[in-house]
Amino acid sequence: WIRYGEPGMSRADQDRYVREMARI
């Protein structure tokens, strides 16, 4: 996603994504 969708994705949003995936 960072490479082909959102190159400027913040580290906070990256951490949030990892945290969200705990639901899986």
PDB file of all heavy atoms in Angstrom:
ATOM      1  N   TRP A   1       0.829  -1.206   0.000  1.00  0.00           N
ATOM      2  CA  TRP A   1       0.000   0.000   0.000  1.00  0.00           C
ATOM      3  C   TRP A   1       0.865   1.259   0.000  1.00  0.00           C
ATOM      4  O   TRP A   1       0.591   2.214  -0.736  1.00  0.00           O
ATOM      5  CB  TRP A   1      -0.935  -0.006   1.197  1.00  0.00           C
ATOM      6  CG  TRP A   1      -1.644   1.291   1.430  1.00  0.00           C
ATOM      7  CD1 TRP A   1      -1.479   2.158   2.474  1.00  0.00           C
ATOM      8  CD2 TRP A   1      -2.650   1.891   0.586  1.00  0.00           C
ATOM      9  NE1 TRP A   1      -2.302   3.248   2.341  1.00  0.00           N
ATOM     10  CE2 TRP A   1      -3.036   3.104   1.184  1.00  0.00           C
ATOM     11  CE3 TRP A   1      -3.242   1.507  -0.615  1.00  0.00           C
ATOM     12  CZ2 TRP A   1      -3.996   3.948   0.623  1.00  0.00           C
ATOM     13  CZ3 TRP A   1      -4.204   2.344  -1.179  1.00  0.00           C
ATOM     14  CH2 TRP A   1      -4.570   3.545  -0.560  1.00  0.00           C
ATOM     15  N   ILE A   2       1.918   1.265   0.807  1.00  0.00           N
ATOM     16  CA  ILE A   2       2.798   2.437   0.853  1.00  0.00           C
ATOM     17  C   ILE A   2       3.436   2.680  -0.518  1.00  0.00           C
ATOM     18  O   ILE A   2       3.505   3.817  -0.988  1.00  0.00           O
ATOM     19  CB  ILE A   2       3.884   2.251   1.927  1.00  0.00           C
ATOM     20  CG1 ILE A   2       3.251   2.297   3.327  1.00  0.00           C
ATOM     21  CG2 ILE A   2       4.972   3.325   1.819  1.00  0.00           C
ATOM     22  CD1 ILE A   2       4.191   1.876   4.445  1.00  0.00           C
ATOM     23  N   ARG A   3       3.887   1.626  -1.170  1.00  0.00           N
ATOM     24  CA  ARG A   3       4.564   1.800  -2.453  1.00  0.00           C
ATOM     25  C   ARG A   3       3.616   2.208  -3.572  1.00  0.00           C
ATOM     26  O   ARG A   3       3.958   3.058  -4.409  1.00  0.00           O
ATOM     27  CB  ARG A   3       5.305   0.522  -2.846  1.00  0.00           C
ATOM     28  CG  ARG A   3       6.012   0.634  -4.210  1.00  0.00           C
ATOM     29  CD  ARG A   3       7.048  -0.443  -4.382  1.00  0.00           C
ATOM     30  NE  ARG A   3       8.137  -0.286  -3.426  1.00  0.00           N
ATOM     31  CZ  ARG A   3       9.097  -1.182  -3.246  1.00  0.00           C
ATOM     32  NH1 ARG A   3       9.103  -2.305  -3.952  1.00  0.00           N
ATOM     33  NH2 ARG A   3      10.050  -0.971  -2.362  1.00  0.00           N
ATOM     34  N   TYR A   4       2.420   1.621  -3.617  1.00  0.00           N
ATOM     35  CA  TYR A   4       1.554   1.838  -4.768  1.00  0.00           C
ATOM     36  C   TYR A   4       0.261   2.587  -4.463  1.00  0.00           C
ATOM     37  O   TYR A   4      -0.510   2.864  -5.376  1.00  0.00           O
ATOM     38  CB  TYR A   4       1.238   0.499  -5.432  1.00  0.00           C
ATOM     39  CG  TYR A   4       2.486  -0.152  -6.001  1.00  0.00           C
ATOM     40  CD1 TYR A   4       2.995  -1.327  -5.467  1.00  0.00           C
ATOM     41  CD2 TYR A   4       3.176   0.454  -7.045  1.00  0.00           C
ATOM     42  CE1 TYR A   4       4.154  -1.901  -5.976  1.00  0.00           C
ATOM     43  CE2 TYR A   4       4.339  -0.107  -7.553  1.00  0.00           C
ATOM     44  CZ  TYR A   4       4.819  -1.286  -7.017  1.00  0.00           C
ATOM     45  OH  TYR A   4       5.975  -1.836  -7.520  1.00  0.00           O
ATOM     46  N   GLY A   5       0.050   2.934  -3.196  1.00  0.00           N
ATOM     47  CA  GLY A   5      -1.165   3.654  -2.859  1.00  0.00           C
ATOM     48  C   GLY A   5      -0.953   4.936  -2.094  1.00  0.00           C
ATOM     49  O   GLY A   5      -1.558   5.963  -2.408  1.00  0.00           O
ATOM     50  N   GLU A   6      -0.089   4.886  -1.090  1.00  0.00           N
ATOM     51  CA  GLU A   6       0.088   6.041  -0.207  1.00  0.00           C
ATOM     52  C   GLU A   6       1.550   6.162   0.216  1.00  0.00           C
ATOM     53  O   GLU A   6       1.911   5.841   1.355  1.00  0.00           O
ATOM     54  CB  GLU A   6      -0.818   5.892   1.024  1.00  0.00           C
ATOM     55  CG  GLU A   6      -0.927   7.136   1.872  1.00  0.00           C
ATOM     56  CD  GLU A   6      -1.831   6.945   3.091  1.00  0.00           C
ATOM     57  OE1 GLU A   6      -2.514   5.904   3.187  1.00  0.00           O
ATOM     58  OE2 GLU A   6      -1.834   7.850   3.946  1.00  0.00           O
ATOM     59  N   PRO A   7       2.405   6.634  -0.685  1.00  0.00           N
ATOM     60  CA  PRO A   7       3.837   6.707  -0.374  1.00  0.00           C
ATOM     61  C   PRO A   7       4.164   7.540   0.866  1.00  0.00           C
ATOM     62  O   PRO A   7       5.162   7.286   1.528  1.00  0.00           O
ATOM     63  CB  PRO A   7       4.431   7.342  -1.641  1.00  0.00           C
ATOM     64  CG  PRO A   7       3.471   6.980  -2.734  1.00  0.00           C
ATOM     65  CD  PRO A   7       2.121   7.015  -2.094  1.00  0.00           C
ATOM     66  N   GLY A   8       3.325   8.527   1.179  1.00  0.00           N
ATOM     67  CA  GLY A   8       3.594   9.374   2.338  1.00  0.00           C
ATOM     68  C   GLY A   8       2.873   8.938   3.595  1.00  0.00           C
ATOM     69  O   GLY A   8       2.707   9.738   4.528  1.00  0.00           O
ATOM     70  N   MET A   9       2.469   7.678   3.681  1.00  0.00           N
ATOM     71  CA  MET A   9       1.717   7.200   4.853  1.00  0.00           C
ATOM     72  C   MET A   9       2.512   7.441   6.129  1.00  0.00           C
ATOM     73  O   MET A   9       3.696   7.102   6.233  1.00  0.00           O
ATOM     74  CB  MET A   9       1.416   5.710   4.699  1.00  0.00           C
ATOM     75  CG  MET A   9       0.492   5.151   5.759  1.00  0.00           C
ATOM     76  SD  MET A   9       0.223   3.361   5.509  1.00  0.00           S
ATOM     77  CE  MET A   9      -1.278   3.111   6.455  1.00  0.00           C
ATOM     78  N   SER A  10       1.857   8.019   7.126  1.00  0.00           N
ATOM     79  CA  SER A  10       2.540   8.341   8.378  1.00  0.00           C
ATOM     80  C   SER A  10       2.859   7.086   9.166  1.00  0.00           C
ATOM     81  O   SER A  10       2.195   6.052   9.029  1.00  0.00           O
ATOM     82  CB  SER A  10       1.674   9.264   9.230  1.00  0.00           C
ATOM     83  OG  SER A  10       0.535   8.572   9.716  1.00  0.00           O
ATOM     84  N   ARG A  11       3.878   7.186  10.010  1.00  0.00           N
ATOM     85  CA  ARG A  11       4.223   6.054  10.875  1.00  0.00           C
ATOM     86  C   ARG A  11       3.079   5.770  11.849  1.00  0.00           C
ATOM     87  O   ARG A  11       2.825   4.614  12.189  1.00  0.00           O
ATOM     88  CB  ARG A  11       5.514   6.378  11.643  1.00  0.00           C
ATOM     89  CG  ARG A  11       6.060   5.200  12.454  1.00  0.00           C
ATOM     90  CD  ARG A  11       6.519   4.071  11.553  1.00  0.00           C
ATOM     91  NE  ARG A  11       7.054   2.958  12.297  1.00  0.00           N
ATOM     92  CZ  ARG A  11       8.150   2.293  11.956  1.00  0.00           C
ATOM     93  NH1 ARG A  11       8.823   2.636  10.862  1.00  0.00           N
ATOM     94  NH2 ARG A  11       8.589   1.284  12.672  1.00  0.00           N
ATOM     95  N   ALA A  12       2.377   6.815  12.274  1.00  0.00           N
ATOM     96  CA  ALA A  12       1.249   6.616  13.194  1.00  0.00           C
ATOM     97  C   ALA A  12       0.172   5.756  12.548  1.00  0.00           C
ATOM     98  O   ALA A  12      -0.403   4.863  13.187  1.00  0.00           O
ATOM     99  CB  ALA A  12       0.675   7.965  13.612  1.00  0.00           C
ATOM    100  N   ASP A  13      -0.119   6.007  11.256  1.00  0.00           N
ATOM    101  CA  ASP A  13      -1.129   5.196  10.567  1.00  0.00           C
ATOM    102  C   ASP A  13      -0.621   3.782  10.307  1.00  0.00           C
ATOM    103  O   ASP A  13      -1.399   2.820  10.314  1.00  0.00           O
ATOM    104  CB  ASP A  13      -1.538   5.856   9.254  1.00  0.00           C
ATOM    105  CG  ASP A  13      -2.662   6.864   9.435  1.00  0.00           C
ATOM    106  OD1 ASP A  13      -3.149   7.009  10.572  1.00  0.00           O
ATOM    107  OD2 ASP A  13      -3.059   7.506   8.448  1.00  0.00           O
ATOM    108  N   GLN A  14       0.679   3.633  10.065  1.00  0.00           N
ATOM    109  CA  GLN A  14       1.242   2.290   9.913  1.00  0.00           C
ATOM    110  C   GLN A  14       1.071   1.496  11.206  1.00  0.00           C
ATOM    111  O   GLN A  14       0.678   0.325  11.186  1.00  0.00           O
ATOM    112  CB  GLN A  14       2.715   2.382   9.525  1.00  0.00           C
ATOM    113  CG  GLN A  14       2.958   2.964   8.147  1.00  0.00           C
ATOM    114  CD  GLN A  14       4.425   3.048   7.793  1.00  0.00           C
ATOM    115  OE1 GLN A  14       5.170   2.077   7.978  1.00  0.00           O
ATOM    116  NE2 GLN A  14       4.871   4.189   7.284  1.00  0.00           N
ATOM    117  N   ASP A  15       1.368   2.134  12.330  1.00  0.00           N
ATOM    118  CA  ASP A  15       1.195   1.471  13.629  1.00  0.00           C
ATOM    119  C   ASP A  15      -0.273   1.158  13.889  1.00  0.00           C
ATOM    120  O   ASP A  15      -0.613   0.097  14.429  1.00  0.00           O
ATOM    121  CB  ASP A  15       1.738   2.349  14.761  1.00  0.00           C
ATOM    122  CG  ASP A  15       3.253   2.418  14.780  1.00  0.00           C
ATOM    123  OD1 ASP A  15       3.900   1.569  14.130  1.00  0.00           O
ATOM    124  OD2 ASP A  15       3.797   3.320  15.443  1.00  0.00           O
ATOM    125  N   ARG A  16      -1.128   2.081  13.503  1.00  0.00           N
ATOM    126  CA  ARG A  16      -2.569   1.869  13.706  1.00  0.00           C
ATOM    127  C   ARG A  16      -3.043   0.666  12.903  1.00  0.00           C
ATOM    128  O   ARG A  16      -3.862  -0.141  13.389  1.00  0.00           O
ATOM    129  CB  ARG A  16      -3.330   3.135  13.293  1.00  0.00           C
ATOM    130  CG  ARG A  16      -4.830   3.065  13.559  1.00  0.00           C
ATOM    131  CD  ARG A  16      -5.505   4.362  13.139  1.00  0.00           C
ATOM    132  NE  ARG A  16      -6.934   4.187  12.992  1.00  0.00           N
ATOM    133  CZ  ARG A  16      -7.726   4.974  12.276  1.00  0.00           C
ATOM    134  NH1 ARG A  16      -7.201   6.006  11.640  1.00  0.00           N
ATOM    135  NH2 ARG A  16      -9.019   4.743  12.185  1.00  0.00           N
ATOM    136  N   TYR A  17      -2.556   0.513  11.679  1.00  0.00           N
ATOM    137  CA  TYR A  17      -2.938  -0.639  10.869  1.00  0.00           C
ATOM    138  C   TYR A  17      -2.504  -1.943  11.543  1.00  0.00           C
ATOM    139  O   TYR A  17      -3.294  -2.893  11.642  1.00  0.00           O
ATOM    140  CB  TYR A  17      -2.309  -0.534   9.479  1.00  0.00           C
ATOM    141  CG  TYR A  17      -2.513  -1.773   8.628  1.00  0.00           C
ATOM    142  CD1 TYR A  17      -3.758  -2.080   8.099  1.00  0.00           C
ATOM    143  CD2 TYR A  17      -1.456  -2.655   8.391  1.00  0.00           C
ATOM    144  CE1 TYR A  17      -3.950  -3.220   7.331  1.00  0.00           C
ATOM    145  CE2 TYR A  17      -1.646  -3.799   7.616  1.00  0.00           C
ATOM    146  CZ  TYR A  17      -2.892  -4.066   7.092  1.00  0.00           C
ATOM    147  OH  TYR A  17      -3.084  -5.199   6.349  1.00  0.00           O
ATOM    148  N   VAL A  18      -1.260  -2.005  12.001  1.00  0.00           N
ATOM    149  CA  VAL A  18      -0.773  -3.216  12.671  1.00  0.00           C
ATOM    150  C   VAL A  18      -1.627  -3.510  13.897  1.00  0.00           C
ATOM    151  O   VAL A  18      -1.993  -4.667  14.158  1.00  0.00           O
ATOM    152  CB  VAL A  18       0.712  -3.068  13.061  1.00  0.00           C
ATOM    153  CG1 VAL A  18       1.177  -4.285  13.851  1.00  0.00           C
ATOM    154  CG2 VAL A  18       1.578  -2.888  11.821  1.00  0.00           C
ATOM    155  N   ARG A  19      -1.963  -2.467  14.648  1.00  0.00           N
ATOM    156  CA  ARG A  19      -2.784  -2.649  15.847  1.00  0.00           C
ATOM    157  C   ARG A  19      -4.185  -3.134  15.488  1.00  0.00           C
ATOM    158  O   ARG A  19      -4.744  -4.007  16.166  1.00  0.00           O
ATOM    159  CB  ARG A  19      -2.840  -1.321  16.617  1.00  0.00           C
ATOM    160  CG  ARG A  19      -3.515  -1.401  17.973  1.00  0.00           C
ATOM    161  CD  ARG A  19      -3.182  -0.176  18.816  1.00  0.00           C
ATOM    162  NE  ARG A  19      -3.538   1.087  18.166  1.00  0.00           N
ATOM    163  CZ  ARG A  19      -2.653   1.946  17.650  1.00  0.00           C
ATOM    164  NH1 ARG A  19      -1.357   1.692  17.695  1.00  0.00           N
ATOM    165  NH2 ARG A  19      -3.058   3.069  17.088  1.00  0.00           N
ATOM    166  N   GLU A  20      -4.758  -2.584  14.429  1.00  0.00           N
ATOM    167  CA  GLU A  20      -6.089  -3.027  13.996  1.00  0.00           C
ATOM    168  C   GLU A  20      -6.098  -4.500  13.619  1.00  0.00           C
ATOM    169  O   GLU A  20      -7.072  -5.218  13.897  1.00  0.00           O
ATOM    170  CB  GLU A  20      -6.549  -2.197  12.796  1.00  0.00           C
ATOM    171  CG  GLU A  20      -6.927  -0.769  13.111  1.00  0.00           C
ATOM    172  CD  GLU A  20      -7.234   0.049  11.864  1.00  0.00           C
ATOM    173  OE1 GLU A  20      -7.083  -0.484  10.745  1.00  0.00           O
ATOM    174  OE2 GLU A  20      -7.623   1.213  12.009  1.00  0.00           O
ATOM    175  N   MET A  21      -5.024  -4.977  13.015  1.00  0.00           N
ATOM    176  CA  MET A  21      -4.990  -6.354  12.541  1.00  0.00           C
ATOM    177  C   MET A  21      -4.963  -7.379  13.668  1.00  0.00           C
ATOM    178  O   MET A  21      -5.112  -8.577  13.428  1.00  0.00           O
ATOM    179  CB  MET A  21      -3.799  -6.548  11.610  1.00  0.00           C
ATOM    180  CG  MET A  21      -3.936  -5.791  10.284  1.00  0.00           C
ATOM    181  SD  MET A  21      -5.446  -6.225   9.384  1.00  0.00           S
ATOM    182  CE  MET A  21      -5.013  -7.871   8.846  1.00  0.00           C
ATOM    183  N   ALA A  22      -4.815  -6.909  14.893  1.00  0.00           N
ATOM    184  CA  ALA A  22      -4.948  -7.815  16.038  1.00  0.00           C
ATOM    185  C   ALA A  22      -6.354  -8.414  16.100  1.00  0.00           C
ATOM    186  O   ALA A  22      -6.549  -9.496  16.657  1.00  0.00           O
ATOM    187  CB  ALA A  22      -4.638  -7.075  17.338  1.00  0.00           C
ATOM    188  N   ARG A  23      -7.334  -7.734  15.506  1.00  0.00           N
ATOM    189  CA  ARG A  23      -8.707  -8.255  15.488  1.00  0.00           C
ATOM    190  C   ARG A  23      -8.809  -9.537  14.673  1.00  0.00           C
ATOM    191  O   ARG A  23      -9.729 -10.341  14.880  1.00  0.00           O
ATOM    192  CB  ARG A  23      -9.660  -7.203  14.905  1.00  0.00           C
ATOM    193  CG  ARG A  23      -9.653  -5.902  15.659  1.00  0.00           C
ATOM    194  CD  ARG A  23     -10.558  -4.865  15.018  1.00  0.00           C
ATOM    195  NE  ARG A  23     -10.234  -3.543  15.517  1.00  0.00           N
ATOM    196  CZ  ARG A  23     -10.930  -2.440  15.270  1.00  0.00           C
ATOM    197  NH1 ARG A  23     -12.017  -2.522  14.522  1.00  0.00           N
ATOM    198  NH2 ARG A  23     -10.550  -1.279  15.739  1.00  0.00           N
ATOM    199  N   ILE A  24      -7.890  -9.720  13.750  1.00  0.00           N
ATOM    200  CA  ILE A  24      -7.819 -10.959  12.983  1.00  0.00           C
ATOM    201  C   ILE A  24      -6.910 -11.960  13.683  1.00  0.00           C
ATOM    202  O   ILE A  24      -7.204 -13.156  13.750  1.00  0.00           O
ATOM    203  CB  ILE A  24      -7.271 -10.682  11.566  1.00  0.00           C
ATOM    204  CG1 ILE A  24      -8.155  -9.677  10.829  1.00  0.00           C
ATOM    205  CG2 ILE A  24      -7.143 -11.982  10.770  1.00  0.00           C
ATOM    206  CD1 ILE A  24      -9.557 -10.138  10.590  1.00  0.00           C
TER     207      ILE A  24
END
